[in-house]
Amino acid sequence: MPDKSSAEAFLKQWCAEVENSKISAFMKFVKTVRSHWSGIIHFVETKITNGILEGIRL
């Protein structure tokens, strides 16, 4: 996605289409996408992830 507004528009449309499909596995994934919405949008804006932090074992 080129920018935040494009990413948000795409995700909103995709989530709506999945919910209309009534496919339970995809509907469960929509819940995951929504719970991580801000992180997804943040990545689109910055191209930075927290993957390195998640990979560190204490």
PDB file of N, CA and C in Angstrom:
ATOM      1  N   MET A   1       0.835  -1.174   0.000  1.00  0.00           N
ATOM      2  CA  MET A   1       0.000   0.000   0.000  1.00  0.00           C
ATOM      3  C   MET A   1       0.885   1.245   0.000  1.00  0.00           C
ATOM      4  N   PRO A   2       0.528   2.223  -0.774  1.00  0.00           N
ATOM      5  CA  PRO A   2       1.372   3.419  -0.878  1.00  0.00           C
ATOM      6  C   PRO A   2       1.278   4.362   0.328  1.00  0.00           C
ATOM      7  N   ASP A   3       0.124   4.371   1.025  1.00  0.00           N
ATOM      8  CA  ASP A   3      -0.031   5.304   2.141  1.00  0.00           C
ATOM      9  C   ASP A   3      -1.112   4.816   3.099  1.00  0.00           C
ATOM     10  N   LYS A   4      -1.228   5.531   4.225  1.00  0.00           N
ATOM     11  CA  LYS A   4      -2.161   5.158   5.287  1.00  0.00           C
ATOM     12  C   LYS A   4      -3.610   5.120   4.800  1.00  0.00           C
ATOM     13  N   SER A   5      -4.036   6.118   4.085  1.00  0.00           N
ATOM     14  CA  SER A   5      -5.445   6.172   3.662  1.00  0.00           C
ATOM     15  C   SER A   5      -5.786   5.040   2.690  1.00  0.00           C
ATOM     16  N   SER A   6      -4.857   4.696   1.811  1.00  0.00           N
ATOM     17  CA  SER A   6      -5.085   3.574   0.893  1.00  0.00           C
ATOM     18  C   SER A   6      -5.167   2.251   1.658  1.00  0.00           C
ATOM     19  N   ALA A   7      -4.291   2.088   2.625  1.00  0.00           N
ATOM     20  CA  ALA A   7      -4.295   0.860   3.426  1.00  0.00           C
ATOM     21  C   ALA A   7      -5.582   0.731   4.222  1.00  0.00           C
ATOM     22  N   GLU A   8      -6.015   1.809   4.848  1.00  0.00           N
ATOM     23  CA  GLU A   8      -7.252   1.761   5.630  1.00  0.00           C
ATOM     24  C   GLU A   8      -8.454   1.474   4.740  1.00  0.00           C
ATOM     25  N   ALA A   9      -8.505   2.093   3.580  1.00  0.00           N
ATOM     26  CA  ALA A   9      -9.621   1.853   2.660  1.00  0.00           C
ATOM     27  C   ALA A   9      -9.642   0.397   2.207  1.00  0.00           C
ATOM     28  N   PHE A  10      -8.464  -0.139   1.868  1.00  0.00           N
ATOM     29  CA  PHE A  10      -8.376  -1.529   1.437  1.00  0.00           C
ATOM     30  C   PHE A  10      -8.808  -2.473   2.553  1.00  0.00           C
ATOM     31  N   LEU A  11      -8.287  -2.268   3.758  1.00  0.00           N
ATOM     32  CA  LEU A  11      -8.636  -3.153   4.870  1.00  0.00           C
ATOM     33  C   LEU A  11     -10.124  -3.096   5.206  1.00  0.00           C
ATOM     34  N   LYS A  12     -10.687  -1.902   5.191  1.00  0.00           N
ATOM     35  CA  LYS A  12     -12.123  -1.768   5.475  1.00  0.00           C
ATOM     36  C   LYS A  12     -12.949  -2.524   4.443  1.00  0.00           C
ATOM     37  N   GLN A  13     -12.602  -2.362   3.173  1.00  0.00           N
ATOM     38  CA  GLN A  13     -13.345  -3.050   2.117  1.00  0.00           C
ATOM     39  C   GLN A  13     -13.163  -4.556   2.224  1.00  0.00           C
ATOM     40  N   TRP A  14     -11.936  -4.991   2.448  1.00  0.00           N
ATOM     41  CA  TRP A  14     -11.652  -6.422   2.549  1.00  0.00           C
ATOM     42  C   TRP A  14     -12.405  -7.044   3.717  1.00  0.00           C
ATOM     43  N   CYS A  15     -12.386  -6.382   4.871  1.00  0.00           N
ATOM     44  CA  CYS A  15     -13.102  -6.905   6.039  1.00  0.00           C
ATOM     45  C   CYS A  15     -14.600  -7.001   5.766  1.00  0.00           C
ATOM     46  N   ALA A  16     -15.159  -5.999   5.121  1.00  0.00           N
ATOM     47  CA  ALA A  16     -16.596  -6.014   4.813  1.00  0.00           C
ATOM     48  C   ALA A  16     -16.935  -7.160   3.855  1.00  0.00           C
ATOM     49  N   GLU A  17     -16.095  -7.365   2.849  1.00  0.00           N
ATOM     50  CA  GLU A  17     -16.346  -8.451   1.895  1.00  0.00           C
ATOM     51  C   GLU A  17     -16.255  -9.811   2.575  1.00  0.00           C
ATOM     52  N   VAL A  18     -15.290  -9.975   3.457  1.00  0.00           N
ATOM     53  CA  VAL A  18     -15.150 -11.245   4.172  1.00  0.00           C
ATOM     54  C   VAL A  18     -16.356 -11.478   5.065  1.00  0.00           C
ATOM     55  N   GLU A  19     -16.793 -10.456   5.779  1.00  0.00           N
ATOM     56  CA  GLU A  19     -17.962 -10.613   6.648  1.00  0.00           C
ATOM     57  C   GLU A  19     -19.211 -10.959   5.836  1.00  0.00           C
ATOM     58  N   ASN A  20     -19.339 -10.400   4.660  1.00  0.00           N
ATOM     59  CA  ASN A  20     -20.480 -10.717   3.795  1.00  0.00           C
ATOM     60  C   ASN A  20     -20.411 -12.145   3.274  1.00  0.00           C
ATOM     61  N   SER A  21     -19.203 -12.694   3.174  1.00  0.00           N
ATOM     62  CA  SER A  21     -19.049 -14.060   2.666  1.00  0.00           C
ATOM     63  C   SER A  21     -19.526 -15.106   3.664  1.00  0.00           C
ATOM     64  N   LYS A  22     -19.487 -14.751   4.944  1.00  0.00           N
ATOM     65  CA  LYS A  22     -19.904 -15.664   6.024  1.00  0.00           C
ATOM     66  C   LYS A  22     -19.023 -16.909   6.129  1.00  0.00           C
ATOM     67  N   ILE A  23     -17.794 -16.860   5.631  1.00  0.00           N
ATOM     68  CA  ILE A  23     -16.858 -17.981   5.766  1.00  0.00           C
ATOM     69  C   ILE A  23     -16.215 -17.862   7.144  1.00  0.00           C
ATOM     70  N   SER A  24     -16.486 -18.816   8.001  1.00  0.00           N
ATOM     71  CA  SER A  24     -16.117 -18.681   9.409  1.00  0.00           C
ATOM     72  C   SER A  24     -14.617 -18.526   9.631  1.00  0.00           C
ATOM     73  N   ALA A  25     -13.794 -19.260   8.917  1.00  0.00           N
ATOM     74  CA  ALA A  25     -12.342 -19.140   9.110  1.00  0.00           C
ATOM     75  C   ALA A  25     -11.854 -17.741   8.752  1.00  0.00           C
ATOM     76  N   PHE A  26     -12.385 -17.186   7.671  1.00  0.00           N
ATOM     77  CA  PHE A  26     -11.991 -15.838   7.280  1.00  0.00           C
ATOM     78  C   PHE A  26     -12.552 -14.796   8.243  1.00  0.00           C
ATOM     79  N   MET A  27     -13.748 -15.031   8.746  1.00  0.00           N
ATOM     80  CA  MET A  27     -14.333 -14.095   9.699  1.00  0.00           C
ATOM     81  C   MET A  27     -13.502 -14.049  10.980  1.00  0.00           C
ATOM     82  N   LYS A  28     -12.957 -15.199  11.368  1.00  0.00           N
ATOM     83  CA  LYS A  28     -12.065 -15.238  12.528  1.00  0.00           C
ATOM     84  C   LYS A  28     -10.800 -14.434  12.237  1.00  0.00           C
ATOM     85  N   PHE A  29     -10.284 -14.536  11.010  1.00  0.00           N
ATOM     86  CA  PHE A  29      -9.099 -13.782  10.630  1.00  0.00           C
ATOM     87  C   PHE A  29      -9.379 -12.278  10.624  1.00  0.00           C
ATOM     88  N   VAL A  30     -10.585 -11.879  10.241  1.00  0.00           N
ATOM     89  CA  VAL A  30     -10.955 -10.460  10.275  1.00  0.00           C
ATOM     90  C   VAL A  30     -10.836  -9.930  11.698  1.00  0.00           C
ATOM     91  N   LYS A  31     -11.234 -10.722  12.674  1.00  0.00           N
ATOM     92  CA  LYS A  31     -11.100 -10.296  14.073  1.00  0.00           C
ATOM     93  C   LYS A  31      -9.633 -10.071  14.420  1.00  0.00           C
ATOM     94  N   THR A  32      -8.764 -10.933  13.917  1.00  0.00           N
ATOM     95  CA  THR A  32      -7.331 -10.773  14.155  1.00  0.00           C
ATOM     96  C   THR A  32      -6.817  -9.509  13.481  1.00  0.00           C
ATOM     97  N   VAL A  33      -7.223  -9.288  12.247  1.00  0.00           N
ATOM     98  CA  VAL A  33      -6.798  -8.076  11.531  1.00  0.00           C
ATOM     99  C   VAL A  33      -7.248  -6.838  12.301  1.00  0.00           C
ATOM    100  N   ARG A  34      -8.484  -6.828  12.750  1.00  0.00           N
ATOM    101  CA  ARG A  34      -8.986  -5.658  13.482  1.00  0.00           C
ATOM    102  C   ARG A  34      -8.251  -5.453  14.799  1.00  0.00           C
ATOM    103  N   SER A  35      -7.870  -6.540  15.464  1.00  0.00           N
ATOM    104  CA  SER A  35      -7.155  -6.385  16.734  1.00  0.00           C
ATOM    105  C   SER A  35      -5.730  -5.862  16.531  1.00  0.00           C
ATOM    106  N   HIS A  36      -5.198  -6.042  15.320  1.00  0.00           N
ATOM    107  CA  HIS A  36      -3.845  -5.571  15.004  1.00  0.00           C
ATOM    108  C   HIS A  36      -3.863  -4.385  14.038  1.00  0.00           C
ATOM    109  N   TRP A  37      -5.014  -3.770  13.874  1.00  0.00           N
ATOM    110  CA  TRP A  37      -5.216  -2.704  12.891  1.00  0.00           C
ATOM    111  C   TRP A  37      -4.146  -1.615  12.996  1.00  0.00           C
ATOM    112  N   SER A  38      -3.932  -1.091  14.176  1.00  0.00           N
ATOM    113  CA  SER A  38      -2.986   0.032  14.305  1.00  0.00           C
ATOM    114  C   SER A  38      -1.568  -0.385  13.931  1.00  0.00           C
ATOM    115  N   GLY A  39      -1.174  -1.602  14.269  1.00  0.00           N
ATOM    116  CA  GLY A  39       0.148  -2.084  13.892  1.00  0.00           C
ATOM    117  C   GLY A  39       0.296  -2.252  12.391  1.00  0.00           C
ATOM    118  N   ILE A  40      -0.757  -2.717  11.734  1.00  0.00           N
ATOM    119  CA  ILE A  40      -0.729  -2.875  10.276  1.00  0.00           C
ATOM    120  C   ILE A  40      -0.578  -1.502   9.613  1.00  0.00           C
ATOM    121  N   ILE A  41      -1.366  -0.553  10.067  1.00  0.00           N
ATOM    122  CA  ILE A  41      -1.304   0.794   9.498  1.00  0.00           C
ATOM    123  C   ILE A  41       0.050   1.443   9.804  1.00  0.00           C
ATOM    124  N   HIS A  42       0.555   1.222  11.010  1.00  0.00           N
ATOM    125  CA  HIS A  42       1.864   1.773  11.376  1.00  0.00           C
ATOM    126  C   HIS A  42       2.947   1.229  10.448  1.00  0.00           C
ATOM    127  N   PHE A  43       2.891  -0.064  10.129  1.00  0.00           N
ATOM    128  CA  PHE A  43       3.874  -0.632   9.211  1.00  0.00           C
ATOM    129  C   PHE A  43       3.797   0.030   7.836  1.00  0.00           C
ATOM    130  N   VAL A  44       2.588   0.257   7.353  1.00  0.00           N
ATOM    131  CA  VAL A  44       2.422   0.901   6.038  1.00  0.00           C
ATOM    132  C   VAL A  44       3.080   2.287   6.044  1.00  0.00           C
ATOM    133  N   GLU A  45       2.935   2.991   7.155  1.00  0.00           N
ATOM    134  CA  GLU A  45       3.492   4.339   7.247  1.00  0.00           C
ATOM    135  C   GLU A  45       5.012   4.340   7.399  1.00  0.00           C
ATOM    136  N   THR A  46       5.561   3.405   8.198  1.00  0.00           N
ATOM    137  CA  THR A  46       6.978   3.478   8.563  1.00  0.00           C
ATOM    138  C   THR A  46       7.854   2.373   7.981  1.00  0.00           C
ATOM    139  N   LYS A  47       7.247   1.274   7.549  1.00  0.00           N
ATOM    140  CA  LYS A  47       7.973   0.079   7.084  1.00  0.00           C
ATOM    141  C   LYS A  47       8.847  -0.519   8.192  1.00  0.00           C
ATOM    142  N   ILE A  48       8.486  -0.239   9.457  1.00  0.00           N
ATOM    143  CA  ILE A  48       9.203  -0.775  10.606  1.00  0.00           C
ATOM    144  C   ILE A  48       8.282  -1.749  11.331  1.00  0.00           C
ATOM    145  N   THR A  49       8.829  -2.922  11.704  1.00  0.00           N
ATOM    146  CA  THR A  49       8.063  -3.898  12.470  1.00  0.00           C
ATOM    147  C   THR A  49       8.706  -4.091  13.834  1.00  0.00           C
ATOM    148  N   ASN A  50       8.011  -4.810  14.692  1.00  0.00           N
ATOM    149  CA  ASN A  50       8.583  -5.164  15.983  1.00  0.00           C
ATOM    150  C   ASN A  50       9.074  -6.612  15.961  1.00  0.00           C
ATOM    151  N   GLY A  51       9.290  -7.149  14.771  1.00  0.00           N
ATOM    152  CA  GLY A  51       9.722  -8.536  14.620  1.00  0.00           C
ATOM    153  C   GLY A  51      10.997  -8.857  15.362  1.00  0.00           C
ATOM    154  N   ILE A  52      11.954  -7.971  15.364  1.00  0.00           N
ATOM    155  CA  ILE A  52      13.214  -8.216  16.062  1.00  0.00           C
ATOM    156  C   ILE A  52      12.967  -8.354  17.562  1.00  0.00           C
ATOM    157  N   LEU A  53      12.064  -7.545  18.093  1.00  0.00           N
ATOM    158  CA  LEU A  53      11.750  -7.627  19.522  1.00  0.00           C
ATOM    159  C   LEU A  53      11.039  -8.930  19.852  1.00  0.00           C
ATOM    160  N   GLU A  54      10.152  -9.362  18.980  1.00  0.00           N
ATOM    161  CA  GLU A  54       9.438 -10.613  19.215  1.00  0.00           C
ATOM    162  C   GLU A  54      10.370 -11.825  19.128  1.00  0.00           C
ATOM    163  N   GLY A  55      11.465 -11.678  18.400  1.00  0.00           N
ATOM    164  CA  GLY A  55      12.401 -12.779  18.245  1.00  0.00           C
ATOM    165  C   GLY A  55      13.396 -12.910  19.388  1.00  0.00           C
ATOM    166  N   ILE A  56      13.473 -11.903  20.244  1.00  0.00           N
ATOM    167  CA  ILE A  56      14.421 -11.942  21.359  1.00  0.00           C
ATOM    168  C   ILE A  56      13.835 -12.763  22.498  1.00  0.00           C
ATOM    169  N   ARG A  57      14.581 -13.742  22.930  1.00  0.00           N
ATOM    170  CA  ARG A  57      14.152 -14.563  24.084  1.00  0.00           C
ATOM    171  C   ARG A  57      14.937 -14.121  25.295  1.00  0.00           C
ATOM    172  N   LEU A  58      14.229 -13.892  26.372  1.00  0.00           N
ATOM    173  CA  LEU A  58      14.896 -13.482  27.606  1.00  0.00           C
ATOM    174  C   LEU A  58      15.211 -14.657  28.496  1.00  0.00           C
TER     175      LEU A  58
END
